[in-house]
Protein backbone atom coordinates (compact mmCIF):
# COMPACT_ATOMS: atom_id res chain seq x y z
CA MET A 1 -8.18 10.36 -1.13
CA ASN A 2 -5.95 7.32 -1.62
CA VAL A 3 -3.18 9.04 0.34
CA LEU A 4 -5.54 9.78 3.24
CA LYS A 5 -6.83 6.21 3.14
CA ALA A 6 -3.24 4.94 3.09
CA ILE A 7 -2.63 6.75 6.39
CA ILE A 8 -5.61 4.95 7.92
CA PHE A 9 -4.42 1.62 6.51
CA GLY A 10 -0.97 2.26 7.98
CA ILE A 11 -2.45 3.03 11.40
CA ILE A 12 -4.48 -0.19 11.40
CA GLU A 13 -1.44 -2.17 10.18
CA GLY A 14 0.74 -0.66 12.91
CA ILE A 15 -1.80 -1.55 15.59
CA THR A 16 -2.84 -5.04 14.50
CA GLU A 17 0.47 -6.39 13.21
CA TRP A 18 1.80 -6.79 16.76
CA MET A 19 -1.31 -8.30 18.30
CA PRO A 20 -2.44 -11.86 17.48
CA VAL A 21 -5.60 -10.65 15.76
CA SER A 22 -4.56 -10.85 12.05
CA SER A 23 -3.52 -7.60 10.45
CA THR A 24 -4.43 -9.05 7.04
CA ALA A 25 -8.02 -9.59 8.15
CA HIS A 26 -8.25 -6.04 9.47
CA LEU A 27 -6.86 -4.54 6.26
CA LYS A 28 -9.33 -6.51 4.16
CA ILE A 29 -12.22 -5.45 6.39
CA LEU A 30 -11.03 -1.85 6.25
CA ASN A 31 -10.92 -2.01 2.46
CA ILE A 32 -14.64 -2.77 2.45
CA PHE A 33 -15.44 0.49 4.23
CA PHE A 34 -12.64 2.63 2.78
CA PRO A 35 -11.69 0.95 -0.50
CA LEU A 36 -8.44 2.06 -2.08
CA GLU A 37 -9.06 3.12 -5.65
CA VAL A 38 -6.35 0.91 -7.09
CA SER A 39 -6.11 -2.23 -9.18
CA ALA A 40 -6.61 -5.62 -7.53
CA GLN A 41 -2.98 -6.43 -8.31
CA PHE A 42 -1.65 -3.32 -6.60
CA LEU A 43 -3.95 -3.87 -3.61
CA GLU A 44 -2.45 -7.33 -3.11
CA VAL A 45 1.03 -5.81 -3.18
CA PHE A 46 -0.02 -2.94 -0.90
CA GLU A 47 -1.44 -5.25 1.79
CA VAL A 48 1.96 -6.97 2.10
CA VAL A 49 4.46 -4.20 1.37
CA ILE A 50 2.80 -1.83 3.86
CA GLN A 51 4.25 -4.18 6.48
CA LEU A 52 7.71 -2.81 5.68
CA GLY A 53 7.02 0.24 7.83
CA ALA A 54 6.05 -1.97 10.74
CA ILE A 55 9.02 -4.28 10.34
CA ILE A 56 11.51 -1.40 10.11
CA ALA A 57 10.15 -0.15 13.45
CA LEU A 58 10.58 -3.64 14.92
CA THR A 59 14.13 -3.92 13.59
CA LEU A 60 15.11 -0.62 15.23
CA ILE A 61 13.59 -1.60 18.59
CA PHE A 62 15.11 -5.10 18.51
CA TRP A 63 18.46 -4.05 17.05
CA ASN A 64 20.45 -4.75 20.20
CA LYS A 65 18.74 -8.12 20.57
CA VAL A 66 19.37 -9.42 17.05
CA TRP A 67 22.45 -7.67 15.58
CA PRO A 68 25.10 -10.43 15.68
CA PHE A 69 28.27 -8.39 15.11
CA GLY A 70 30.44 -6.48 17.56
CA LYS A 71 32.77 -6.93 20.50
CA THR A 72 31.55 -9.53 22.96
CA SER A 73 32.74 -11.61 25.90
CA ARG A 74 31.24 -14.70 24.23
CA PRO A 75 32.46 -14.71 20.62
CA LEU A 76 31.61 -17.41 18.11
CA GLY A 77 35.30 -18.18 17.60
CA LYS A 78 38.73 -16.69 16.98
CA GLY A 79 39.97 -14.36 14.27
CA ILE A 80 37.16 -12.86 12.21
CA LEU A 81 34.65 -14.86 14.26
CA SER A 82 35.71 -12.98 17.40
CA ASN A 83 33.42 -10.16 16.26
CA VAL A 84 30.40 -12.45 15.97
CA LYS A 85 28.27 -12.76 19.09
CA LYS A 86 27.67 -16.43 19.73
CA ASP A 87 24.23 -16.10 21.32
CA ARG A 88 22.94 -13.85 18.51
CA PHE A 89 24.40 -16.16 15.86
CA ILE A 90 22.62 -19.15 17.40
CA LEU A 91 19.41 -17.11 17.63
CA TRP A 92 19.59 -16.44 13.88
CA LEU A 93 20.15 -20.13 13.23
CA LYS A 94 16.95 -20.86 15.15
CA ILE A 95 15.12 -18.16 13.19
CA ALA A 96 16.44 -19.68 9.95
CA VAL A 97 15.14 -23.11 10.97
CA ALA A 98 11.74 -21.59 11.83
CA CYS A 99 11.68 -19.85 8.44
CA LEU A 100 12.32 -23.03 6.43
CA PRO A 101 8.66 -24.14 6.20
CA ALA A 102 7.60 -20.66 5.03
CA ILE A 103 10.36 -20.55 2.42
CA ILE A 104 9.40 -23.96 1.03
CA TYR A 105 5.73 -22.94 0.95
CA GLU A 106 6.41 -19.60 -0.79
CA LEU A 107 8.70 -21.12 -3.42
CA PHE A 108 6.93 -24.37 -4.23
CA LEU A 109 3.42 -24.58 -2.81
CA GLU A 110 1.73 -21.18 -2.64
CA ASP A 111 0.60 -21.09 -6.27
CA HIS A 112 -0.89 -24.57 -5.93
CA VAL A 113 -2.87 -23.83 -2.76
CA ASN A 114 -5.51 -21.68 -4.32
CA PHE A 115 -8.90 -22.30 -2.71
CA ILE A 116 -9.57 -18.68 -1.72
CA THR A 117 -11.93 -16.73 -3.97
CA PRO A 118 -13.52 -13.28 -3.66
CA GLU A 119 -16.77 -15.08 -2.85
CA ASN A 120 -15.50 -17.14 0.10
CA GLU A 121 -12.63 -14.97 1.41
CA MET A 122 -14.55 -13.07 4.09
CA THR A 123 -16.30 -16.23 5.27
CA LEU A 124 -12.92 -17.95 5.67
CA ILE A 125 -11.55 -14.92 7.50
CA ALA A 126 -14.53 -14.88 9.88
CA ALA A 127 -14.13 -18.60 10.57
CA ALA A 128 -10.39 -18.24 11.19
CA LEU A 129 -10.89 -15.27 13.50
CA MET A 130 -13.40 -17.15 15.64
CA LEU A 131 -11.61 -20.51 15.62
CA VAL A 132 -8.22 -19.12 16.65
CA GLY A 133 -9.97 -16.92 19.22
CA ILE A 134 -11.52 -20.02 20.78
CA VAL A 135 -8.15 -21.80 20.69
CA PHE A 136 -6.52 -18.88 22.55
CA ILE A 137 -9.15 -19.04 25.30
CA VAL A 138 -8.88 -22.83 25.60
CA VAL A 139 -5.06 -22.79 25.64
CA GLU A 140 -4.97 -20.08 28.30
CA GLY A 141 -7.39 -22.15 30.37
CA LEU A 142 -5.16 -25.21 30.04
CA LEU A 143 -2.06 -23.21 30.97
CA ARG A 144 -3.57 -21.50 33.99
CA ASN A 145 -1.64 -23.55 36.55
CA ARG A 146 1.15 -24.80 34.30
CA GLU A 147 4.81 -24.05 34.89
CA PHE A 148 6.58 -22.67 31.82
CA THR A 149 9.98 -24.24 31.20
CA VAL A 150 11.46 -21.75 28.73
CA ASN A 151 11.76 -18.10 29.80
CA SER A 152 14.28 -16.83 27.26
CA THR A 153 14.79 -17.17 23.51
CA ARG A 154 18.26 -18.48 24.39
CA TYR A 155 16.67 -21.71 25.67
CA ILE A 156 14.36 -22.31 22.71
CA THR A 157 15.56 -25.51 21.03
CA PHE A 158 15.93 -26.02 17.29
CA LYS A 159 13.11 -28.56 17.40
CA GLN A 160 10.83 -26.02 19.06
CA ALA A 161 11.86 -23.39 16.49
CA LEU A 162 10.92 -25.76 13.66
CA LEU A 163 7.53 -26.53 15.22
CA ILE A 164 6.86 -22.80 15.60
CA GLY A 165 7.81 -22.34 11.96
CA LEU A 166 5.38 -25.08 10.93
CA ALA A 167 2.63 -23.35 12.92
CA GLN A 168 3.36 -20.23 10.92
CA LEU A 169 2.28 -22.06 7.77
CA VAL A 170 -1.30 -22.22 9.02
CA ALA A 171 -1.45 -18.44 8.82
CA ALA A 172 0.13 -18.47 5.37
CA VAL A 173 -2.57 -20.80 4.03
CA PHE A 174 -5.65 -19.49 5.83
CA PRO A 175 -6.34 -15.72 5.89
CA GLY A 176 -7.43 -14.42 9.27
CA VAL A 177 -5.43 -16.92 11.34
CA SER A 178 -2.65 -14.42 12.19
CA ARG A 179 1.01 -15.33 11.87
CA SER A 180 1.75 -14.16 15.40
CA GLY A 181 -1.37 -15.89 16.71
CA ALA A 182 -0.36 -19.27 15.29
CA THR A 183 3.26 -19.03 16.45
CA ILE A 184 2.39 -17.79 19.93
CA ILE A 185 -0.17 -20.56 20.51
CA CYS A 186 2.38 -23.16 19.39
CA ALA A 187 5.08 -21.65 21.60
CA LEU A 188 2.79 -21.57 24.64
CA LEU A 189 1.92 -25.24 24.17
CA LEU A 190 5.66 -25.98 24.00
CA GLY A 191 6.11 -24.49 27.47
CA ILE A 192 7.54 -21.13 26.41
CA THR A 193 6.47 -18.14 28.48
CA ARG A 194 4.12 -15.54 27.03
CA SER A 195 6.76 -12.82 26.89
CA THR A 196 9.37 -15.13 25.32
CA SER A 197 6.82 -16.50 22.84
CA THR A 198 5.98 -12.96 21.79
CA GLU A 199 9.63 -11.90 21.58
CA PHE A 200 10.59 -14.88 19.40
CA THR A 201 7.52 -14.29 17.20
CA PHE A 202 8.61 -10.69 16.70
CA GLU A 203 12.20 -11.72 15.91
CA LEU A 204 10.91 -14.30 13.45
CA ALA A 205 8.85 -11.57 11.78
CA ILE A 206 11.96 -9.68 10.64
CA PRO A 207 13.07 -12.05 7.85
CA VAL A 208 9.54 -13.35 7.17
CA MET A 209 7.97 -9.94 6.57
CA PHE A 210 10.96 -8.54 4.70
CA GLY A 211 10.96 -11.68 2.56
CA ALA A 212 7.20 -11.57 1.92
CA SER A 213 7.40 -7.95 0.79
CA LEU A 214 10.33 -8.70 -1.53
CA MET A 215 8.54 -11.72 -3.01
CA LYS A 216 5.44 -9.66 -3.78
CA ILE A 217 7.47 -6.93 -5.45
CA LEU A 218 9.40 -9.47 -7.52
CA LYS A 219 6.22 -11.33 -8.42
CA TYR A 220 4.28 -8.31 -9.64
CA GLY A 221 7.17 -6.06 -10.58
CA ALA A 222 7.94 -2.58 -9.31
CA ALA A 223 6.52 -0.59 -12.22
CA PHE A 224 4.19 1.48 -10.07
CA SER A 225 2.80 4.90 -10.91
CA PHE A 226 3.79 7.97 -8.89
CA MET A 227 0.50 7.89 -6.96
CA GLU A 228 0.89 4.18 -6.21
CA ILE A 229 4.42 4.74 -4.89
CA LEU A 230 3.15 7.68 -2.80
CA THR A 231 0.32 5.52 -1.44
CA LEU A 232 2.79 2.78 -0.46
CA LEU A 233 5.21 5.27 1.10
CA VAL A 234 2.54 7.03 3.16
CA GLY A 235 1.12 3.70 4.36
CA CYS A 236 4.58 2.47 5.37
CA ILE A 237 5.44 5.67 7.26
CA SER A 238 2.12 5.58 9.09
CA ALA A 239 2.62 1.91 10.02
CA PHE A 240 6.17 2.68 11.18
CA LEU A 241 5.13 5.47 13.54
CA ILE A 242 2.28 3.52 15.14
CA SER A 243 4.42 0.37 15.43
CA ILE A 244 7.05 2.19 17.50
CA PHE A 245 4.43 2.54 20.23
CA MET A 246 2.52 -0.72 19.74
CA ILE A 247 5.55 -3.06 19.86
CA ARG A 248 6.58 -1.75 23.27
CA PHE A 249 2.98 -1.80 24.48
CA VAL A 250 2.42 -5.46 23.52
CA LEU A 251 5.77 -6.59 24.98
CA ASP A 252 4.89 -4.91 28.29
CA TYR A 253 1.29 -6.21 28.23
CA VAL A 254 2.16 -9.90 27.86
CA LYS A 255 4.54 -9.79 30.81
CA LYS A 256 1.59 -9.39 33.17
CA ASN A 257 -1.47 -10.56 31.22
CA THR A 258 -2.79 -13.53 29.28
CA PHE A 259 -3.91 -13.64 25.63
CA THR A 260 -7.55 -14.28 26.57
CA ILE A 261 -8.65 -10.75 25.72
CA PHE A 262 -7.35 -11.20 22.18
CA GLY A 263 -9.29 -14.44 21.88
CA ILE A 264 -12.52 -12.71 22.94
CA TYR A 265 -11.88 -9.85 20.51
CA ARG A 266 -11.27 -12.27 17.64
CA ILE A 267 -14.51 -14.12 18.29
CA LEU A 268 -16.55 -10.89 18.40
CA LEU A 269 -14.92 -9.57 15.23
CA GLY A 270 -15.47 -12.91 13.48
CA VAL A 271 -19.17 -12.85 14.37
CA ILE A 272 -19.49 -9.31 13.01
CA VAL A 273 -17.75 -10.26 9.76
CA LEU A 274 -19.91 -13.36 9.39
CA MET A 275 -23.12 -11.45 10.00
CA PHE A 276 -22.52 -8.29 8.01
CA LEU A 277 -19.49 -8.45 5.71
CA ARG A 278 -19.26 -11.86 4.10
């Protein structure tokens, strides 16, 4: 049964990871209805490591956008640097700057920010779902007639990258906020177009999600049983397959539509959680 449940978890992860609706919240809600018969420690690892399938799918789709090595008309320099693409190298510098707040938090602060308990977790998730949903609707209303000034990740400044990285911390501290939701809202307010905000959020996810999975494995160790490894593997494969479709769908969707529908969905889901699942 755990293997079958892992497939369902992977499907939900693959769908919700790429929309600003909090995949973590959805996995925790799902675990109420279809609880994995595993230890609390393994469940915490599973909820993070299952993202590996999704992030591998993203890396494959974005490979040509982020891989910095190869022949190019705009190299970083001469000699060995002639095989480094300048625009991709600068992009990774911006991603590194955006990752700094998360790295500092993970290494020095996470263990000291411990106000979430089994008793209040679902209430906090419901509140975060609704609050960020309202923020999305308000921000989209404010931006209705606004001209966006940044229409490519190439023009995102290092200052903007740092601010987006700081926004990411909100999601790290409060479950249900959504990493992509926080970064997209910040990027929109900085004048970055919806499609560029989403693209940079996805690119930022590559080191963040790989790093988060590695940190969880190192923290709890990798001494899993055969069934636990199988559960993780099945969940990752399921998330990978669904993500291949969902990443392209979301990227196409935001080119022509606003994020208002996600805000409405978050509010409705938050109300349901608050009424029935807390």
